[in-house]
Every structure is written in structure tokens, then in C-alpha cells.
Amino acid sequence: MPDPVVLVGPQRSYRRTELDADIAGLAAELAERGAGPGRRVALMSSNRPEFVVALYAVWRLGAAVVLLSPAWKSGEVRHALDLTGADIAVGDHPVLAEQLPMRHLDEPIAAAPHAPPPPAPDPGDEAVLVFSSGTTGLPKAVRHTHGSFAAAVAHWRTVLALTDRDRMQIATPPSHILGLLNIATMLDVGGWLRLHRRFDIDALLAGIETDRITVEMAVAPIALAIAAHPELERFDLSSLRYLMWCATPVTAAVAETVTRRTGVCWLTAYGSTELPVLACNEIGSGRLDTVGRAAPGVRLRAVRPDGTAAPVGEPGEIWAAADSLMAGYLPDSATAEAVTDGWYHTGDIGVFDDGGWLQITDRSKEMIKVRGFQVAPAEVEAVLHGHPAVADCAVFGVPAGADGERVIAAVSRGAEVSAAELIDLVDSRLAGYKRPAEIVFVPEIPRLPSGKVLRRVLKERHGCPIDK
């Protein structure tokens, strides 16, 4: 019976039987630590094959995985652990090891005693918790069941037309829904997958050539690096069926430059942590002006502020319904604001044309999207407010090309403090992508009588030399 290589990392390759054996071995060890149905296991890891082993070992036991970003600092990890109640830890990160006794992924895995495979998990059981920041400023945990995540994998497999002949490499964080979805889908179809611990443009381009990669995922910074590579033409990219643009709006000039220089076309898609696959363009269409049409099994509609349906051609907030919709948030109180009768409110403003093609035009939420990661203004503001020299502050995003947006902090000073000191303060407390790119000192923060910050006013003022 064929036993192909399915997973490759810097140190070793895994055939299907080898991967299954390691999963069973680690599962047996985690079971001794108390992992099982109803328990949540924290996983904080770089992008490596052992992450995959740990993920599936937890699922094998009927427990749920709590995915923690390796970019997080101690306070962020503590919040996630307190919110989810995860009390078993696996990973390779010292920040997690400081919080809980951690089974390090570098430790060897002992062979598991022979036992029949466990029963398949119930589709309604919790499978994975992925974090997505909310308007409160504290990260929310998005809860997916085995059923909802399996539906997302099926949607991704369909829109990308993936088969066991496909070969993919992944350099995006596995704690992000995109990295997780790519890993799970490639293993589901029986394809070939290489994981890179970090992004390196030369290694990525060389990998396409030597590994004969067929589908390349490119969040905006990767797309920009490909377009700007001075020797792009020397790499043989002919194995690619398409390049996939994910997580941020397409920068047409960048995409067109890559296609002109390589002959490879792009495929664009639209998704969220809460409902991972919303829409996708048709393979071969080459369209960059739209995120495509609803994925099979997904329903989309544009909704006016009064809750009525927006007709074709009129912008509205995009709502979505599908079997892949999350089970809810932690804290649970946040769920009711995001879901109405099974319809998820994306917070994105979009417009449909007569053919059902969707164009995203704006965001109704105040979230800032940096390289595909969400930044909650209130979370950064809470850190800045902790400095005694900050009288008031407000954080907002401004367009930043391929990176999506830049984080800008407007600060009203009560005492002398430098921009560098405030940026360093945020950097010491929060993940690097949440660090303000710029501090703008202003006489006061514009607010409504209710106290709500007028972020639009700040955006309009941005760039003016106001008390800098």
C-alpha cells in the first residue's frame, strides 16, 4: 500500500504512517497529563511539523486546542489562558513555559502501545479556539467545533480545487486561521506540504522551483517581496497553478507586476476567523477587482443599517451563513453582537453585482488589519493609558499598501514624553504587529458626548503638524 511523504520540515520528512505513529505517541503522553474530552490544551509553536503532530494528538484525545500566537507577550498569553481555562501546555515557546508546565516539542516521542484507533469525534464537540481581537480591546477566542472546522476544510478544498497531486509550502503562522486551514486541508486531500519556520523570500522562491510547488499562499507582505525581488525571473515558477492572495485586500499593482514577470496568475479569496471561507474567485479568472462569489455551501448577503437587504449595486454590511460558522466566542457575551439567527456580521462593507460577484469597499468595525492580523485599538490604548504622561489617547489605522494598514496613536500629553518611549512601551507589552508605527501628539482627542472617539476625524487630520 502506498505510503507517501505528506509533511516536510527543516529536520525531517514524514510519511503518512510515520506522522500517524507520532500523533498516537504524543496523544498517549498527553492523556497521562490529563488531556481528554472536555479539556482544552494550549499550543504555542513556531511553524514546524511537530505543531501538526501536537494538533492532531489533542484532537485524537477528544480535547480542544487553544492556539496561541508565537508573537504574543506574557500578558497576552495569560489573558488567553484565563479566558479559555486551558491548563495543559504543549509548544516550543518560553513565554508559555513561564505560565504552565509545558511539554516541549523538541522532546522525543515514545512509541504508543498498540491500540485500536479512537472513535471519530462528535461533530458538535469543540475542536479549536483561534483568537480574534474584538472592539473591547481584549482578544476573543473563536470556538470552532469539529463539524464547523471540517466544513471550512471542505469549502477550502473545493474553491482551490486541491487534490493529492498538489504541493504547498507554508510560511504563515499556524496559530492564524489561514495557516491552520492550509495545513488541515492539505493533510485532508493527501497532498505534499512543507513548513517553513520563518518567511525568507529566497527560500520561498527556491522552494517553488525545487519542490515543484503547485499552489503558493501569499499574504500581502509575501506578495510584495515577490514583486520586488530583483532576480525573480531566474526562478522557475512554472509548476504553480496559481498564486493565492489572502488575508488583506489585493494591491493590484503588486499582483500585476508578479504576473507580468512570471506569467503566473492570482486567485483571490475572502474569509474570516469566524467563518473561514466566505468567497473566492474562479480559478483562471485572474480578477483582482473582486473577492469572488460565495463559496459553495456559503450564503452571503449585503444588509443595510436598518437590517433590511441591500439590493444589487448598493453597499451594505456583509452577512454570511454556513455550516462552517463558529460555535461562538469566549467570552460568550460577545457572540450575540456578531451573529443573528445563524448569520454572521462580518463588519465589512461590500457590494454585489448582477452576477453575484462581491467587492469589499470598507470596514464598519474599527479593527485595524496589519499584514492579515487584527489589532484592536482599545488594546493598544489600554497600554498607552498606563503611562503617567498620557492624558488621553486614541488609536486608528491608515492605509499602508501591501501591509494593509499602519497603526497610528494620537496622544494628548499631560507631561513630557517622547514618541519613542511610548512605542517602546507598547512593544514591551504586546505583539510586534500591534506596535504603533507613529505617535501623533495632539492637544485633545476628539470625542462625542458619550465618550466615543471620533476616529474618522483623527484619520482626516493625520499628517497635519499638530503639536508634534
Protein backbone atom coordinates (compact mmCIF):
# COMPACT_ATOMS: atom_id res chain seq x y z
CA MET A 1 0.00 0.00 0.00
CA PRO A 2 1.46 3.42 -0.93
CA ASP A 3 2.90 5.41 1.97
CA PRO A 4 3.78 8.82 0.52
CA VAL A 5 5.62 11.68 2.17
CA VAL A 6 2.96 14.16 3.28
CA LEU A 7 4.80 16.60 5.58
CA VAL A 8 8.30 18.10 5.39
CA GLY A 9 10.21 20.32 7.79
CA PRO A 10 13.80 21.51 8.18
CA GLN A 11 14.88 18.41 10.11
CA ARG A 12 12.88 15.51 8.68
CA SER A 13 10.14 14.30 6.38
CA TYR A 14 7.07 12.36 7.47
CA ARG A 15 5.37 9.59 5.59
CA ARG A 16 1.71 9.13 6.45
CA THR A 17 2.41 6.15 8.70
CA GLU A 18 5.23 8.00 10.48
CA LEU A 19 3.02 11.03 11.09
CA ASP A 20 0.21 8.84 12.42
CA ALA A 21 2.64 7.00 14.72
CA ASP A 22 3.96 10.24 16.23
CA ILE A 23 0.42 11.56 16.68
CA ALA A 24 -0.55 8.38 18.54
CA GLY A 25 2.60 8.52 20.66
CA LEU A 26 2.14 12.12 21.73
CA ALA A 27 -1.56 11.53 22.35
CA ALA A 28 -0.71 8.72 24.77
CA GLU A 29 1.66 11.03 26.63
CA LEU A 30 -0.83 13.91 26.78
CA ALA A 31 -3.53 11.55 28.02
CA GLU A 32 -1.30 10.81 31.02
CA ARG A 33 -1.19 14.57 31.66
CA GLY A 34 -4.98 14.71 31.76
CA ALA A 35 -5.87 15.68 28.19
CA GLY A 36 -9.20 14.27 27.05
CA PRO A 37 -12.80 15.15 26.24
CA GLY A 38 -13.86 18.45 27.69
CA ARG A 39 -10.28 19.67 28.32
CA ARG A 40 -8.52 22.50 26.49
CA VAL A 41 -4.82 22.25 25.63
CA ALA A 42 -2.75 25.37 24.90
CA LEU A 43 -0.44 25.12 21.88
CA MET A 44 2.15 27.84 21.22
CA SER A 45 4.58 26.92 18.49
CA SER A 46 6.55 28.06 15.51
CA ASN A 47 5.61 26.68 12.09
CA ARG A 48 7.07 23.15 12.24
CA PRO A 49 5.89 19.56 11.69
CA GLU A 50 5.75 18.97 15.45
CA PHE A 51 2.96 21.57 15.60
CA VAL A 52 0.93 19.33 13.32
CA VAL A 53 1.68 16.29 15.48
CA ALA A 54 0.54 18.14 18.61
CA LEU A 55 -2.61 19.49 16.94
CA TYR A 56 -3.80 16.08 15.80
CA ALA A 57 -2.72 14.38 19.03
CA VAL A 58 -5.02 16.66 21.01
CA TRP A 59 -7.86 16.01 18.56
CA ARG A 60 -7.24 12.27 18.78
CA LEU A 61 -7.98 12.50 22.51
CA GLY A 62 -11.22 14.42 22.00
CA ALA A 63 -9.77 17.56 23.61
CA ALA A 64 -9.74 21.06 22.11
CA VAL A 65 -6.66 23.02 21.01
CA VAL A 66 -6.18 26.62 22.13
CA LEU A 67 -3.88 28.24 19.56
CA LEU A 68 -1.59 30.96 20.93
CA SER A 69 0.35 33.28 18.65
CA PRO A 70 4.14 32.91 19.00
CA ALA A 71 4.30 36.70 18.67
CA TRP A 72 2.43 37.24 21.94
CA LYS A 73 3.96 38.57 25.12
CA SER A 74 3.33 37.28 28.64
CA GLY A 75 0.23 39.37 29.36
CA GLU A 76 -1.48 38.30 26.16
CA VAL A 77 -0.81 34.64 26.86
CA ARG A 78 -2.08 34.95 30.43
CA HIS A 79 -5.32 36.54 29.20
CA ALA A 80 -5.84 33.70 26.71
CA LEU A 81 -5.23 31.02 29.33
CA ASP A 82 -7.55 32.69 31.84
CA LEU A 83 -10.27 33.12 29.21
CA THR A 84 -10.19 29.54 27.92
CA GLY A 85 -9.25 27.68 31.08
CA ALA A 86 -6.52 25.79 29.23
CA ASP A 87 -4.33 24.12 31.85
CA ILE A 88 -2.24 21.72 29.76
CA ALA A 89 0.52 23.18 27.57
CA VAL A 90 2.43 21.98 24.51
CA GLY A 91 4.81 24.04 22.40
CA ASP A 92 8.28 25.44 21.89
CA HIS A 93 7.87 28.95 23.33
CA PRO A 94 9.40 30.16 26.63
CA VAL A 95 6.50 32.57 27.25
CA LEU A 96 4.07 29.65 27.52
CA ALA A 97 6.54 27.66 29.60
CA GLU A 98 6.59 30.52 32.11
CA GLN A 99 2.82 30.21 32.56
CA LEU A 100 2.27 26.42 32.65
CA PRO A 101 4.35 23.23 32.75
CA MET A 102 4.93 22.78 29.00
CA ARG A 103 5.59 19.60 27.05
CA HIS A 104 8.33 20.88 24.72
CA LEU A 105 8.04 19.89 21.08
CA ASP A 106 11.77 19.18 20.90
CA GLU A 107 11.40 16.23 23.26
CA PRO A 108 11.36 12.82 21.54
CA ILE A 109 8.07 10.95 21.23
CA ALA A 110 7.88 7.42 22.58
CA ALA A 111 6.03 4.80 20.56
CA ALA A 112 2.46 4.35 21.72
CA PRO A 113 1.27 0.93 22.85
CA HIS A 114 -0.76 -0.80 20.18
CA ALA A 115 -4.42 0.09 20.48
CA PRO A 116 -7.38 0.37 18.12
CA PRO A 117 -7.89 3.86 16.69
CA PRO A 118 -10.18 6.04 18.77
CA PRO A 119 -13.70 6.78 17.56
CA ALA A 120 -14.18 9.86 15.40
CA PRO A 121 -15.05 12.94 17.46
CA ASP A 122 -18.64 14.12 17.60
CA PRO A 123 -19.15 16.95 15.07
CA GLY A 124 -20.60 19.11 17.83
CA ASP A 125 -17.58 18.77 20.11
CA GLU A 126 -15.23 21.72 20.43
CA ALA A 127 -12.09 21.31 18.28
CA VAL A 128 -10.08 24.52 18.19
CA LEU A 129 -10.05 28.01 19.64
CA VAL A 130 -8.41 30.69 17.48
CA PHE A 131 -8.05 34.25 18.71
CA SER A 132 -9.56 37.29 17.04
CA SER A 133 -9.45 40.70 18.70
CA GLY A 134 -12.74 42.42 19.50
CA THR A 135 -13.86 46.01 19.91
CA THR A 136 -13.38 45.69 23.69
CA GLY A 137 -9.66 45.57 23.03
CA LEU A 138 -9.10 42.16 24.58
CA PRO A 139 -8.64 39.18 22.25
CA LYS A 140 -11.71 36.97 21.86
CA ALA A 141 -11.48 33.23 21.37
CA VAL A 142 -13.33 31.97 18.29
CA ARG A 143 -14.67 28.49 19.05
CA HIS A 144 -14.87 26.01 16.18
CA THR A 145 -16.34 22.54 16.55
CA HIS A 146 -15.09 19.50 14.65
CA GLY A 147 -18.12 19.92 12.41
CA SER A 148 -17.65 23.61 11.63
CA PHE A 149 -13.92 23.27 11.00
CA ALA A 150 -14.42 20.19 8.80
CA ALA A 151 -16.93 22.21 6.77
CA ALA A 152 -14.36 25.01 6.37
CA VAL A 153 -11.78 22.48 5.17
CA ALA A 154 -14.29 21.12 2.64
CA HIS A 155 -15.03 24.66 1.39
CA TRP A 156 -11.31 25.47 1.01
CA ARG A 157 -10.64 22.18 -0.76
CA THR A 158 -13.46 22.91 -3.21
CA VAL A 159 -12.71 26.54 -4.10
CA LEU A 160 -8.98 25.83 -4.52
CA ALA A 161 -9.63 22.55 -6.40
CA LEU A 162 -6.99 20.81 -4.28
CA THR A 163 -6.11 17.13 -4.85
CA ASP A 164 -3.46 14.67 -3.71
CA ARG A 165 -1.32 15.87 -6.63
CA ASP A 166 -0.94 19.35 -5.13
CA ARG A 167 2.17 20.54 -3.35
CA MET A 168 2.22 23.53 -1.00
CA GLN A 169 4.64 25.31 1.30
CA ILE A 170 3.53 27.41 4.26
CA ALA A 171 5.43 30.24 5.93
CA THR A 172 2.46 31.91 7.69
CA PRO A 173 1.85 31.35 11.43
CA PRO A 174 -0.10 28.16 12.20
CA SER A 175 -1.94 29.98 15.01
CA HIS A 176 -3.66 32.14 12.36
CA ILE A 177 -6.80 30.68 10.77
CA LEU A 178 -5.21 30.76 7.30
CA GLY A 179 -2.15 28.74 8.29
CA LEU A 180 -4.29 26.28 10.23
CA LEU A 181 -6.75 25.87 7.36
CA ASN A 182 -3.98 25.28 4.82
CA ILE A 183 -2.34 22.61 6.98
CA ALA A 184 -5.57 20.75 7.69
CA THR A 185 -6.78 20.91 4.09
CA MET A 186 -3.53 19.63 2.58
CA LEU A 187 -3.48 16.70 5.00
CA ASP A 188 -7.13 16.05 4.21
CA VAL A 189 -6.53 15.80 0.46
CA GLY A 190 -3.34 13.76 0.87
CA GLY A 191 -1.09 16.32 -0.80
CA TRP A 192 2.53 17.26 -0.04
CA LEU A 193 3.28 20.03 2.44
CA ARG A 194 6.46 21.82 3.55
CA LEU A 195 6.50 24.07 6.63
CA HIS A 196 8.95 26.98 6.98
CA ARG A 197 9.71 28.25 10.47
CA ARG A 198 10.02 31.78 9.17
CA PHE A 199 9.48 33.68 5.95
CA ASP A 200 12.51 34.09 3.70
CA ILE A 201 11.79 35.26 0.16
CA ASP A 202 14.76 33.47 -1.43
CA ALA A 203 13.92 30.19 0.32
CA LEU A 204 10.28 30.54 -0.73
CA LEU A 205 11.08 31.15 -4.40
CA ALA A 206 13.72 28.43 -4.46
CA GLY A 207 11.23 26.07 -2.83
CA ILE A 208 8.68 26.63 -5.57
CA GLU A 209 11.31 25.60 -8.11
CA THR A 210 12.92 22.65 -6.34
CA ASP A 211 9.81 21.21 -4.65
CA ARG A 212 7.59 21.85 -7.71
CA ILE A 213 5.03 23.70 -5.62
CA THR A 214 1.61 23.91 -7.30
CA VAL A 215 -0.22 26.36 -5.02
CA GLU A 216 1.56 29.23 -3.27
CA MET A 217 -0.13 31.21 -0.49
CA ALA A 218 0.90 34.85 -0.39
CA VAL A 219 -0.34 37.29 2.22
CA ALA A 220 0.40 40.87 1.22
CA PRO A 221 3.98 41.17 2.54
CA ILE A 222 4.93 37.97 0.73
CA ALA A 223 3.32 39.22 -2.48
CA LEU A 224 5.21 42.49 -2.17
CA ALA A 225 8.51 40.67 -1.59
CA ILE A 226 7.93 38.52 -4.67
CA ALA A 227 7.15 41.55 -6.83
CA ALA A 228 10.20 43.46 -5.58
CA HIS A 229 12.71 40.60 -5.91
CA PRO A 230 15.43 41.81 -8.28
CA GLU A 231 16.13 38.33 -9.66
CA LEU A 232 12.59 36.96 -9.77
CA GLU A 233 12.94 35.86 -13.38
CA ARG A 234 15.75 33.42 -12.59
CA PHE A 235 13.40 31.18 -10.56
CA ASP A 236 11.38 28.55 -12.39
CA LEU A 237 7.80 29.02 -11.16
CA SER A 238 6.17 27.02 -13.94
CA SER A 239 4.85 24.37 -11.55
CA LEU A 240 2.41 26.87 -9.99
CA ARG A 241 -1.26 26.55 -10.90
CA TYR A 242 -1.82 29.96 -9.30
CA LEU A 243 -0.66 32.29 -6.56
CA MET A 244 -3.21 32.81 -3.78
CA TRP A 245 -3.69 36.30 -2.30
CA CYS A 246 -5.14 36.01 1.22
CA ALA A 247 -5.89 37.97 4.40
CA THR A 248 -5.69 41.55 3.06
CA PRO A 249 -7.18 43.44 0.11
CA VAL A 250 -5.32 42.92 -3.14
CA THR A 251 -2.82 45.56 -4.21
CA ALA A 252 -3.44 45.38 -7.95
CA ALA A 253 -0.13 46.97 -8.98
CA VAL A 254 1.82 44.37 -6.98
CA ALA A 255 -0.20 41.43 -8.31
CA GLU A 256 0.05 42.64 -11.89
CA THR A 257 3.82 43.09 -11.58
CA VAL A 258 4.26 39.49 -10.44
CA THR A 259 2.08 38.15 -13.26
CA ARG A 260 3.94 40.22 -15.84
CA ARG A 261 7.32 39.00 -14.61
CA THR A 262 6.43 35.33 -14.06
CA GLY A 263 3.35 34.57 -16.14
CA VAL A 264 1.60 33.17 -13.03
CA CYS A 265 -1.93 34.42 -12.33
CA TRP A 266 -3.52 35.16 -8.98
CA LEU A 267 -6.52 33.72 -7.19
CA THR A 268 -8.17 35.95 -4.58
CA ALA A 269 -10.40 34.87 -1.71
CA TYR A 270 -12.22 36.30 1.28
CA GLY A 271 -12.62 34.79 4.73
CA SER A 272 -12.56 35.41 8.46
CA THR A 273 -11.61 33.57 11.62
CA GLU A 274 -15.30 33.18 12.47
CA LEU A 275 -16.28 31.78 9.06
CA PRO A 276 -13.03 30.83 7.32
CA VAL A 277 -14.10 30.64 3.65
CA LEU A 278 -16.63 33.25 2.55
CA ALA A 279 -15.95 33.81 -1.13
CA CYS A 280 -13.40 33.03 -3.81
CA ASN A 281 -12.77 33.92 -7.43
CA GLU A 282 -12.90 31.24 -10.09
CA ILE A 283 -9.55 29.63 -10.88
CA GLY A 284 -8.18 31.15 -14.06
CA SER A 285 -10.37 34.25 -13.95
CA GLY A 286 -7.44 36.47 -12.99
CA ARG A 287 -9.83 39.02 -11.49
CA LEU A 288 -8.35 41.39 -8.93
CA ASP A 289 -11.33 43.76 -8.58
CA THR A 290 -13.46 41.37 -6.56
CA VAL A 291 -13.13 38.73 -3.83
CA GLY A 292 -15.29 36.44 -5.94
CA ARG A 293 -18.63 34.78 -5.36
CA ALA A 294 -19.89 32.91 -2.32
CA ALA A 295 -18.11 29.61 -1.78
CA PRO A 296 -20.30 26.53 -2.34
CA GLY A 297 -22.23 25.94 0.87
CA VAL A 298 -21.93 29.58 1.97
CA ARG A 299 -24.70 32.17 1.78
CA LEU A 300 -23.84 35.86 1.60
CA ARG A 301 -25.96 38.98 1.63
CA ALA A 302 -25.49 42.72 1.97
CA VAL A 303 -27.52 44.33 4.77
CA ARG A 304 -28.48 47.97 5.27
CA PRO A 305 -28.05 49.63 8.69
CA ASP A 306 -31.77 49.14 9.35
CA GLY A 307 -31.41 45.38 8.91
CA THR A 308 -33.09 45.13 5.51
CA ALA A 309 -31.43 43.57 2.48
CA ALA A 310 -29.41 45.90 0.25
CA PRO A 311 -30.23 45.43 -3.43
CA VAL A 312 -27.67 44.62 -6.11
CA GLY A 313 -25.32 47.55 -6.59
CA GLU A 314 -25.96 49.09 -3.16
CA PRO A 315 -23.30 48.78 -0.43
CA GLY A 316 -24.20 47.07 2.81
CA GLU A 317 -22.62 45.13 5.64
CA ILE A 318 -21.79 41.60 4.51
CA TRP A 319 -23.54 38.86 6.49
CA ALA A 320 -22.72 35.19 6.00
CA ALA A 321 -24.22 31.83 6.96
CA ALA A 322 -22.73 28.35 6.56
CA ASP A 323 -22.04 25.08 8.36
CA SER A 324 -18.51 26.40 8.87
CA LEU A 325 -19.68 29.23 11.14
CA MET A 326 -18.03 29.28 14.56
CA ALA A 327 -19.87 27.89 17.58
CA GLY A 328 -19.39 31.25 19.29
CA TYR A 329 -16.91 33.43 21.12
CA LEU A 330 -15.31 33.40 24.50
CA PRO A 331 -16.45 35.45 26.30
CA ASP A 332 -19.84 34.14 25.24
CA SER A 333 -21.42 37.57 25.74
CA ALA A 334 -19.73 38.78 22.55
CA THR A 335 -21.50 36.19 20.37
CA ALA A 336 -24.93 37.84 20.30
CA GLU A 337 -23.48 41.04 18.82
CA ALA A 338 -21.89 39.14 15.93
CA VAL A 339 -24.49 36.52 15.00
CA THR A 340 -28.21 36.94 14.25
CA ASP A 341 -30.30 33.83 13.53
CA GLY A 342 -27.25 31.99 12.21
CA TRP A 343 -25.98 34.94 10.15
CA TYR A 344 -22.50 36.23 10.99
CA HIS A 345 -21.97 40.01 10.73
CA THR A 346 -18.54 40.38 9.13
CA GLY A 347 -18.20 44.10 9.80
CA ASP A 348 -17.13 44.56 6.17
CA ILE A 349 -18.99 46.80 3.76
CA GLY A 350 -19.40 45.37 0.27
CA VAL A 351 -21.50 45.46 -2.87
CA PHE A 352 -22.73 42.66 -5.14
CA ASP A 353 -23.15 42.94 -8.88
CA ASP A 354 -25.74 41.14 -11.02
CA GLY A 355 -23.53 38.06 -11.29
CA GLY A 356 -23.10 37.69 -7.53
CA TRP A 357 -19.51 38.94 -7.57
CA LEU A 358 -18.60 40.70 -4.33
CA GLN A 359 -16.42 43.77 -3.95
CA ILE A 360 -15.37 44.77 -0.43
CA THR A 361 -15.32 48.56 -0.14
CA ASP A 362 -14.82 49.39 3.54
CA ARG A 363 -14.97 48.17 7.12
CA SER A 364 -17.73 49.10 9.51
CA LYS A 365 -15.74 47.96 12.51
CA GLU A 366 -12.84 49.87 13.98
CA MET A 367 -10.42 46.98 13.79
CA ILE A 368 -7.04 47.66 12.21
CA LYS A 369 -5.71 44.95 9.91
CA VAL A 370 -1.90 44.69 9.78
CA ARG A 371 -0.47 42.06 7.43
CA GLY A 372 -3.59 39.97 7.90
CA PHE A 373 -3.60 40.25 11.71
CA GLN A 374 -6.29 42.17 13.57
CA VAL A 375 -5.33 44.91 16.02
CA ALA A 376 -7.94 46.23 18.45
CA PRO A 377 -7.43 49.97 19.06
CA ALA A 378 -8.63 49.67 22.67
CA GLU A 379 -5.95 47.09 23.48
CA VAL A 380 -3.15 49.44 22.41
CA GLU A 381 -4.90 52.39 24.08
CA ALA A 382 -5.02 50.49 27.38
CA VAL A 383 -1.22 50.16 27.34
CA LEU A 384 -0.68 53.81 26.43
CA HIS A 385 -3.10 54.97 29.11
CA GLY A 386 -0.88 53.20 31.63
CA HIS A 387 1.89 55.75 31.06
CA PRO A 388 1.66 58.63 33.56
CA ALA A 389 2.43 61.23 30.88
CA VAL A 390 -0.51 60.20 28.66
CA ALA A 391 -3.59 62.30 29.41
CA ASP A 392 -5.70 60.73 26.65
CA CYS A 393 -5.13 58.70 23.52
CA ALA A 394 -6.82 57.05 20.57
CA VAL A 395 -5.51 54.51 18.09
CA PHE A 396 -6.53 54.19 14.45
CA GLY A 397 -5.30 52.68 11.20
CA VAL A 398 -4.26 54.29 7.94
CA PRO A 399 -3.72 52.56 4.57
CA ALA A 400 -0.27 51.03 4.14
CA GLY A 401 -0.32 49.34 0.76
CA ALA A 402 0.64 45.68 0.86
CA ASP A 403 0.72 45.66 4.68
CA GLY A 404 -2.96 46.58 4.84
CA GLU A 405 -2.82 49.31 7.47
CA ARG A 406 -0.38 51.07 9.81
CA VAL A 407 -1.18 51.56 13.49
CA ILE A 408 -1.20 55.25 14.45
CA ALA A 409 -1.64 56.52 18.01
CA ALA A 410 -2.87 60.03 18.73
CA VAL A 411 -1.74 61.10 22.19
CA SER A 412 -2.65 64.08 24.35
CA ARG A 413 0.22 64.66 26.78
CA GLY A 414 -0.16 65.55 30.43
CA ALA A 415 3.61 65.65 30.83
CA GLU A 416 6.64 65.46 28.59
CA VAL A 417 7.19 62.09 26.92
CA SER A 418 8.76 61.10 23.61
CA ALA A 419 7.15 59.11 20.82
CA ALA A 420 9.96 56.54 21.01
CA GLU A 421 9.27 55.93 24.71
CA LEU A 422 5.58 55.27 24.06
CA ILE A 423 6.28 52.98 21.10
CA ASP A 424 8.76 51.02 23.21
CA LEU A 425 6.16 50.70 25.96
CA VAL A 426 3.63 49.09 23.61
CA ASP A 427 6.31 46.88 22.09
CA SER A 428 7.22 45.55 25.54
CA ARG A 429 3.62 44.57 26.33
CA LEU A 430 2.05 43.49 23.04
CA ALA A 431 2.88 41.55 19.88
CA GLY A 432 5.08 43.39 17.41
CA TYR A 433 2.35 43.88 14.80
CA LYS A 434 0.36 45.91 17.37
CA ARG A 435 3.18 48.42 17.88
CA PRO A 436 2.30 51.94 16.64
CA ALA A 437 4.18 52.91 13.53
CA GLU A 438 3.79 56.55 14.55
CA ILE A 439 2.75 58.65 17.56
CA VAL A 440 0.93 61.90 16.74
CA PHE A 441 0.77 64.39 19.62
CA VAL A 442 -2.47 66.39 19.66
CA PRO A 443 -3.98 68.99 22.05
CA GLU A 444 -7.00 66.76 22.73
CA ILE A 445 -8.72 63.61 21.48
CA PRO A 446 -11.98 64.37 19.61
CA ARG A 447 -14.91 62.55 21.24
CA LEU A 448 -18.69 62.52 21.16
CA PRO A 449 -20.55 63.49 24.35
CA SER A 450 -20.94 59.78 25.01
CA GLY A 451 -17.15 59.47 25.12
CA LYS A 452 -16.85 57.63 21.82
CA VAL A 453 -13.66 58.55 19.96
CA LEU A 454 -14.16 60.23 16.58
CA ARG A 455 -11.56 58.12 14.78
CA ARG A 456 -12.68 59.40 11.39
CA VAL A 457 -11.75 62.93 12.47
CA LEU A 458 -8.33 61.70 13.54
CA LYS A 459 -7.81 59.98 10.21
CA GLU A 460 -8.76 63.17 8.36
CA ARG A 461 -6.32 65.15 10.47
CA HIS A 462 -3.48 62.65 10.18
CA GLY A 463 -0.42 64.20 8.63
CA CYS A 464 -1.09 67.72 9.89
CA PRO A 465 1.73 69.14 12.08
CA ILE A 466 -0.36 69.43 15.25
CA ASP A 467 1.76 69.86 18.37
CA LYS A 468 4.34 67.33 17.23
